[in-house]
Protein backbone atom coordinates (compact mmCIF):
# COMPACT_ATOMS: atom_id res chain seq x y z
CA MET A 1 -98.01 -26.79 -37.52
CA LYS A 2 -96.02 -29.92 -36.78
CA LEU A 3 -96.99 -31.83 -33.66
CA MET A 4 -94.81 -34.66 -32.34
CA ILE A 5 -96.93 -36.98 -30.30
CA THR A 6 -96.39 -40.52 -29.12
CA SER A 7 -98.43 -42.92 -31.29
CA ALA A 8 -100.46 -44.77 -28.83
CA ALA A 9 -101.82 -46.81 -31.61
CA ALA A 10 -98.54 -47.97 -32.80
CA ALA A 11 -97.34 -48.78 -29.34
CA LEU A 12 -100.41 -50.71 -28.56
CA LEU A 13 -99.92 -52.66 -31.75
CA ALA A 14 -96.30 -53.51 -31.03
CA ALA A 15 -97.06 -54.95 -27.63
CA SER A 16 -100.44 -56.65 -28.21
CA ALA A 17 -100.57 -57.86 -31.73
CA PRO A 18 -98.24 -60.77 -30.86
CA ALA A 19 -100.59 -61.74 -28.09
CA ALA A 20 -103.40 -62.14 -30.44
CA ALA A 21 -101.22 -64.12 -32.78
CA GLN A 22 -100.24 -66.63 -30.05
CA MET A 23 -103.70 -68.19 -30.33
CA ASN A 24 -103.78 -71.83 -29.12
CA TYR A 25 -106.45 -73.78 -30.83
CA GLY A 26 -106.87 -76.26 -28.04
CA ALA A 27 -110.14 -77.52 -26.69
CA GLN A 28 -110.12 -74.70 -24.11
CA SER A 29 -108.33 -72.06 -26.22
CA THR A 30 -108.47 -68.52 -25.13
CA PRO A 31 -106.86 -65.44 -26.70
CA GLN A 32 -104.08 -64.14 -24.63
CA GLN A 33 -104.38 -60.85 -22.62
CA PRO A 34 -102.56 -57.97 -24.29
CA ALA A 35 -100.33 -55.62 -22.26
CA THR A 36 -102.65 -52.73 -21.21
CA GLN A 37 -99.81 -50.38 -20.36
CA SER A 38 -98.20 -50.51 -23.75
CA ALA A 39 -99.92 -47.37 -25.09
CA GLN A 40 -97.79 -45.28 -22.81
CA GLN A 41 -94.51 -46.96 -23.66
CA ALA A 42 -94.06 -46.09 -27.35
CA PRO A 43 -90.65 -46.77 -28.78
CA ALA A 44 -88.85 -44.07 -30.72
CA ALA A 45 -89.79 -45.77 -34.01
CA ALA A 46 -93.48 -45.39 -33.12
CA GLN A 47 -93.25 -41.54 -32.88
CA LYS A 48 -95.00 -39.75 -35.93
CA LYS A 49 -94.99 -36.24 -37.06
CA ILE A 50 -98.53 -35.05 -37.54
CA SER A 51 -99.42 -31.68 -39.27
CA LEU A 52 -102.45 -30.14 -37.69
CA SER A 53 -104.74 -27.77 -39.33
CA LYS A 54 -104.68 -24.20 -38.00
CA ASP A 55 -108.23 -24.26 -36.80
CA ALA A 56 -107.86 -27.56 -34.86
CA GLN A 57 -104.33 -27.27 -33.30
CA LYS A 58 -105.30 -25.37 -30.09
CA ALA A 59 -108.09 -27.79 -29.25
CA ILE A 60 -105.94 -30.84 -29.93
CA LEU A 61 -103.04 -29.50 -27.89
CA ASP A 62 -105.41 -28.82 -25.04
CA LEU A 63 -106.61 -32.40 -25.38
CA GLN A 64 -102.92 -33.68 -25.32
CA THR A 65 -102.24 -31.63 -22.14
CA THR A 66 -105.30 -33.07 -20.52
CA VAL A 67 -104.36 -36.62 -21.34
CA ASN A 68 -100.81 -36.18 -20.28
CA LYS A 69 -101.85 -34.78 -17.01
CA ALA A 70 -104.09 -37.88 -16.48
CA ASP A 71 -107.06 -35.47 -15.99
CA TYR A 72 -109.35 -38.12 -17.29
CA ALA A 73 -112.50 -36.41 -15.94
CA ASN A 74 -112.12 -33.72 -18.57
CA VAL A 75 -110.99 -35.89 -21.48
CA ALA A 76 -114.45 -36.48 -22.96
CA ALA A 77 -115.19 -32.73 -23.10
CA LYS A 78 -111.68 -32.06 -24.67
CA VAL A 79 -112.32 -34.66 -27.30
CA ALA A 80 -115.66 -33.24 -28.19
CA ALA A 81 -114.13 -29.80 -28.52
CA ALA A 82 -111.36 -31.11 -30.71
CA GLN A 83 -113.63 -33.16 -32.87
CA ALA A 84 -115.87 -30.18 -33.44
CA VAL A 85 -112.91 -28.22 -35.26
CA ALA A 86 -111.02 -31.18 -36.66
CA LYS A 87 -110.86 -30.96 -40.52
CA THR A 88 -108.00 -33.24 -41.83
CA PRO A 89 -107.10 -36.85 -41.48
CA ASP A 90 -104.08 -35.70 -39.33
CA ASP A 91 -106.42 -33.78 -36.99
CA LYS A 92 -108.74 -36.83 -36.57
CA TYR A 93 -105.87 -39.32 -36.28
CA ALA A 94 -104.26 -37.16 -33.55
CA ILE A 95 -107.48 -37.02 -31.63
CA GLY A 96 -108.00 -40.79 -31.90
CA GLN A 97 -104.38 -41.57 -30.56
CA LEU A 98 -105.03 -39.29 -27.55
CA GLN A 99 -108.27 -40.93 -26.88
CA LEU A 100 -106.65 -44.33 -27.10
CA LYS A 101 -103.85 -43.30 -24.77
CA ALA A 102 -106.40 -42.20 -22.21
CA ALA A 103 -108.68 -45.30 -22.65
CA VAL A 104 -105.84 -47.80 -22.31
CA ALA A 105 -104.50 -46.03 -19.19
CA GLN A 106 -107.99 -46.33 -17.58
CA LYS A 107 -108.57 -49.79 -18.91
CA ASP A 108 -111.83 -48.56 -20.35
CA ASN A 109 -112.69 -50.92 -23.13
CA ALA A 110 -115.72 -48.92 -24.40
CA ALA A 111 -113.59 -45.86 -24.67
CA GLU A 112 -110.75 -47.87 -26.38
CA ALA A 113 -113.27 -49.02 -29.06
CA ALA A 114 -114.46 -45.42 -29.54
CA ALA A 115 -110.85 -44.31 -30.04
CA ILE A 116 -110.08 -47.03 -32.46
CA ASP A 117 -113.15 -46.10 -34.46
CA THR A 118 -111.79 -42.45 -34.51
CA ILE A 119 -108.41 -43.72 -35.86
CA ALA A 120 -110.10 -45.95 -38.52
CA ASN A 121 -112.55 -43.25 -39.60
CA SER A 122 -109.68 -40.67 -39.84
CA GLY A 123 -108.40 -42.04 -43.22
CA PHE A 124 -104.76 -41.49 -41.90
CA VAL A 125 -103.81 -45.18 -41.54
CA ASP A 126 -104.28 -48.16 -43.87
CA GLY A 127 -106.74 -50.97 -43.24
CA ALA A 128 -104.00 -53.48 -42.19
CA THR A 129 -102.96 -51.26 -39.33
CA THR A 130 -106.41 -50.60 -38.16
CA SER A 131 -107.26 -54.29 -38.41
CA LYS A 132 -104.39 -55.08 -35.98
CA LEU A 133 -105.90 -52.48 -33.55
CA TYR A 134 -109.33 -54.08 -33.76
CA ALA A 135 -107.87 -57.51 -33.22
CA SER A 136 -106.10 -56.41 -30.09
CA LEU A 137 -109.28 -54.78 -28.82
CA GLY A 138 -111.15 -58.01 -29.59
CA THR A 139 -108.59 -59.96 -27.53
CA THR A 140 -109.02 -57.49 -24.58
CA LEU A 141 -112.79 -57.78 -24.79
CA TYR A 142 -112.70 -61.61 -25.13
CA ASN A 143 -110.63 -62.01 -21.97
CA ALA A 144 -113.10 -59.61 -20.25
CA LYS A 145 -115.84 -62.11 -21.35
CA GLN A 146 -117.53 -59.37 -23.30
CA PHE A 147 -118.09 -61.82 -26.17
CA PRO A 148 -120.61 -59.88 -28.26
CA GLN A 149 -118.31 -56.81 -28.30
CA ALA A 150 -115.28 -59.03 -29.04
CA THR A 151 -117.12 -60.57 -31.99
CA ALA A 152 -117.79 -57.09 -33.30
CA ALA A 153 -114.17 -56.07 -32.92
CA PHE A 154 -112.84 -59.25 -34.70
CA GLN A 155 -115.39 -58.83 -37.41
CA LYS A 156 -114.16 -55.34 -38.15
CA ALA A 157 -110.57 -56.61 -38.08
CA SER A 158 -111.52 -59.37 -40.54
CA THR A 159 -113.29 -57.01 -42.82
CA LEU A 160 -110.30 -54.66 -43.04
CA ASN A 161 -107.83 -57.59 -43.50
CA PRO A 162 -109.94 -60.63 -44.87
CA ASN A 163 -106.84 -62.73 -45.51
CA ASN A 164 -105.73 -62.90 -41.87
CA SER A 165 -106.45 -66.41 -40.70
CA GLU A 166 -105.57 -65.73 -37.14
CA VAL A 167 -108.26 -63.05 -36.92
CA LEU A 168 -110.76 -65.49 -38.38
CA GLY A 169 -109.82 -68.06 -35.70
CA LEU A 170 -110.22 -65.52 -33.07
CA LEU A 171 -113.62 -64.61 -34.53
CA GLY A 172 -114.64 -68.31 -34.45
CA GLU A 173 -113.64 -68.43 -30.79
CA ALA A 174 -115.75 -65.47 -29.87
CA LYS A 175 -118.76 -66.84 -31.72
CA PHE A 176 -118.25 -70.26 -30.08
CA ALA A 177 -118.13 -68.56 -26.66
CA GLN A 178 -121.63 -67.25 -27.40
CA GLY A 179 -122.98 -70.63 -28.30
CA GLN A 180 -122.98 -69.75 -32.05
CA LYS A 181 -121.38 -73.19 -32.85
CA ALA A 182 -122.35 -73.44 -36.59
CA GLU A 183 -121.23 -69.96 -37.09
CA ALA A 184 -118.02 -70.57 -35.36
CA ALA A 185 -117.39 -73.66 -37.43
CA ALA A 186 -117.83 -71.57 -40.63
CA GLU A 187 -115.14 -69.09 -39.34
CA PHE A 188 -112.63 -71.86 -38.64
CA GLN A 189 -113.37 -73.42 -42.14
CA HIS A 190 -112.81 -69.84 -43.64
CA ALA A 191 -109.54 -69.57 -41.70
CA VAL A 192 -108.39 -72.96 -43.16
CA GLN A 193 -109.32 -71.76 -46.71
CA VAL A 194 -107.41 -68.57 -46.33
CA VAL A 195 -104.32 -70.48 -45.29
CA MET A 196 -104.64 -73.00 -48.10
CA ALA A 197 -105.24 -70.26 -50.76
CA SER A 198 -101.94 -68.83 -49.75
CA GLY A 199 -100.21 -72.07 -50.72
CA GLN A 200 -99.54 -72.91 -47.04
CA LYS A 201 -100.63 -75.83 -44.96
CA PRO A 202 -102.94 -74.95 -42.14
CA ASP A 203 -101.74 -75.73 -38.58
CA GLU A 204 -102.98 -79.08 -37.38
CA ALA A 205 -104.26 -77.43 -34.17
CA LEU A 206 -106.56 -75.18 -36.27
CA LEU A 207 -107.89 -78.02 -38.32
CA LYS A 208 -108.64 -80.14 -35.13
CA ARG A 209 -110.29 -77.16 -33.54
CA GLY A 210 -112.43 -76.73 -36.61
CA VAL A 211 -113.38 -80.27 -36.73
CA THR A 212 -114.19 -80.41 -32.99
CA VAL A 213 -116.41 -77.23 -33.22
CA ALA A 214 -118.16 -78.25 -36.39
CA TYR A 215 -118.86 -81.77 -35.14
CA ASP A 216 -120.20 -80.36 -31.78
CA ALA A 217 -122.45 -78.09 -33.92
CA LYS A 218 -123.57 -81.10 -36.03
CA SER A 219 -122.48 -78.96 -39.02
CA PRO A 220 -121.74 -80.64 -42.38
CA LEU A 221 -118.44 -78.73 -42.29
CA ALA A 222 -117.32 -81.45 -39.84
CA VAL A 223 -116.95 -83.86 -42.81
CA GLN A 224 -115.11 -81.41 -44.96
CA LEU A 225 -112.74 -80.26 -42.24
CA GLY A 226 -112.13 -83.94 -41.23
CA ARG A 227 -111.07 -84.69 -44.81
CA GLU A 228 -108.80 -81.65 -44.85
CA TRP A 229 -107.32 -82.72 -41.49
CA ALA A 230 -106.57 -86.25 -42.85
CA ALA A 231 -105.25 -84.95 -46.13
CA ALA A 232 -102.85 -82.46 -44.54
CA TYR A 233 -101.78 -84.64 -41.55
CA PRO A 234 -102.28 -88.31 -42.47
CA SER A 235 -102.10 -90.51 -39.39
CA PRO A 236 -104.17 -93.40 -37.88
CA ASP A 237 -105.81 -90.73 -35.44
CA SER A 238 -106.81 -88.26 -38.30
CA TRP A 239 -108.01 -91.08 -40.66
CA ARG A 240 -110.01 -92.87 -37.91
CA ASN A 241 -111.63 -89.59 -36.72
CA SER A 242 -112.47 -88.34 -40.19
CA ILE A 243 -114.02 -91.64 -41.18
CA ALA A 244 -115.96 -91.82 -37.89
CA ILE A 245 -117.19 -88.22 -38.47
CA TYR A 246 -118.23 -89.06 -41.99
CA ARG A 247 -120.26 -92.23 -40.77
CA ASN A 248 -121.83 -90.44 -37.90
CA MET A 249 -122.75 -87.38 -39.90
CA ASN A 250 -124.19 -89.37 -42.85
CA HIS A 251 -125.36 -92.62 -41.34
CA PRO A 252 -125.99 -91.83 -37.73
CA ASP A 253 -128.08 -95.04 -37.10
CA VAL A 254 -125.48 -97.49 -38.50
CA GLU A 255 -123.15 -99.05 -36.05
CA GLY A 256 -119.52 -98.96 -37.19
């Protein structure tokens, strides 16, 4: 059976992925809040034909009807019933999309995380797509000051797409928000390395943020990041700061 349903995942991506990408690595940088209503506003291009298995189609259509009616009190039971008979990646993906649509409508972060896990585990979509969903979730959780949960979401996003420097920067911010300064510095350094490995020059704001966090953590990475900052953006400011960091980290008792 062919089921045409609105792809909540695709719609959420379309609206919220740019928000995560607009990360500003200032001293008080904060990921931007994604648009929570986006899952119900899927463009035509986000529609996807899903072929349901015979055994699961009734339960999934029941779930779809429940979600579309905004009968959220009964969504959990309908999800459980659908999952009990789901057999194919299409079945599991359809359930995850409907879970996500309900979760976003209710602004339920825990339910949204569960829905994205369902989509990720379905095997229907590639890692890069799922990574963007986890990054969007992490942004939402960060803005809700749920930093451990945001860290977990950004970590999943990074594992699925390890060459995404923006996600690594977001992961660094989430760790920094929990006081994990040395770990945060390592994520910023990783982000810088990913950009450099691609043949690009890291944004100066990313380098400066990494230097600031690493120096605050008294991490040896401050010296390395300082050098990379001065090399990529040579100026009196970058050279003065990188030299001062080197002196302070290696000879803290020597007046300069």
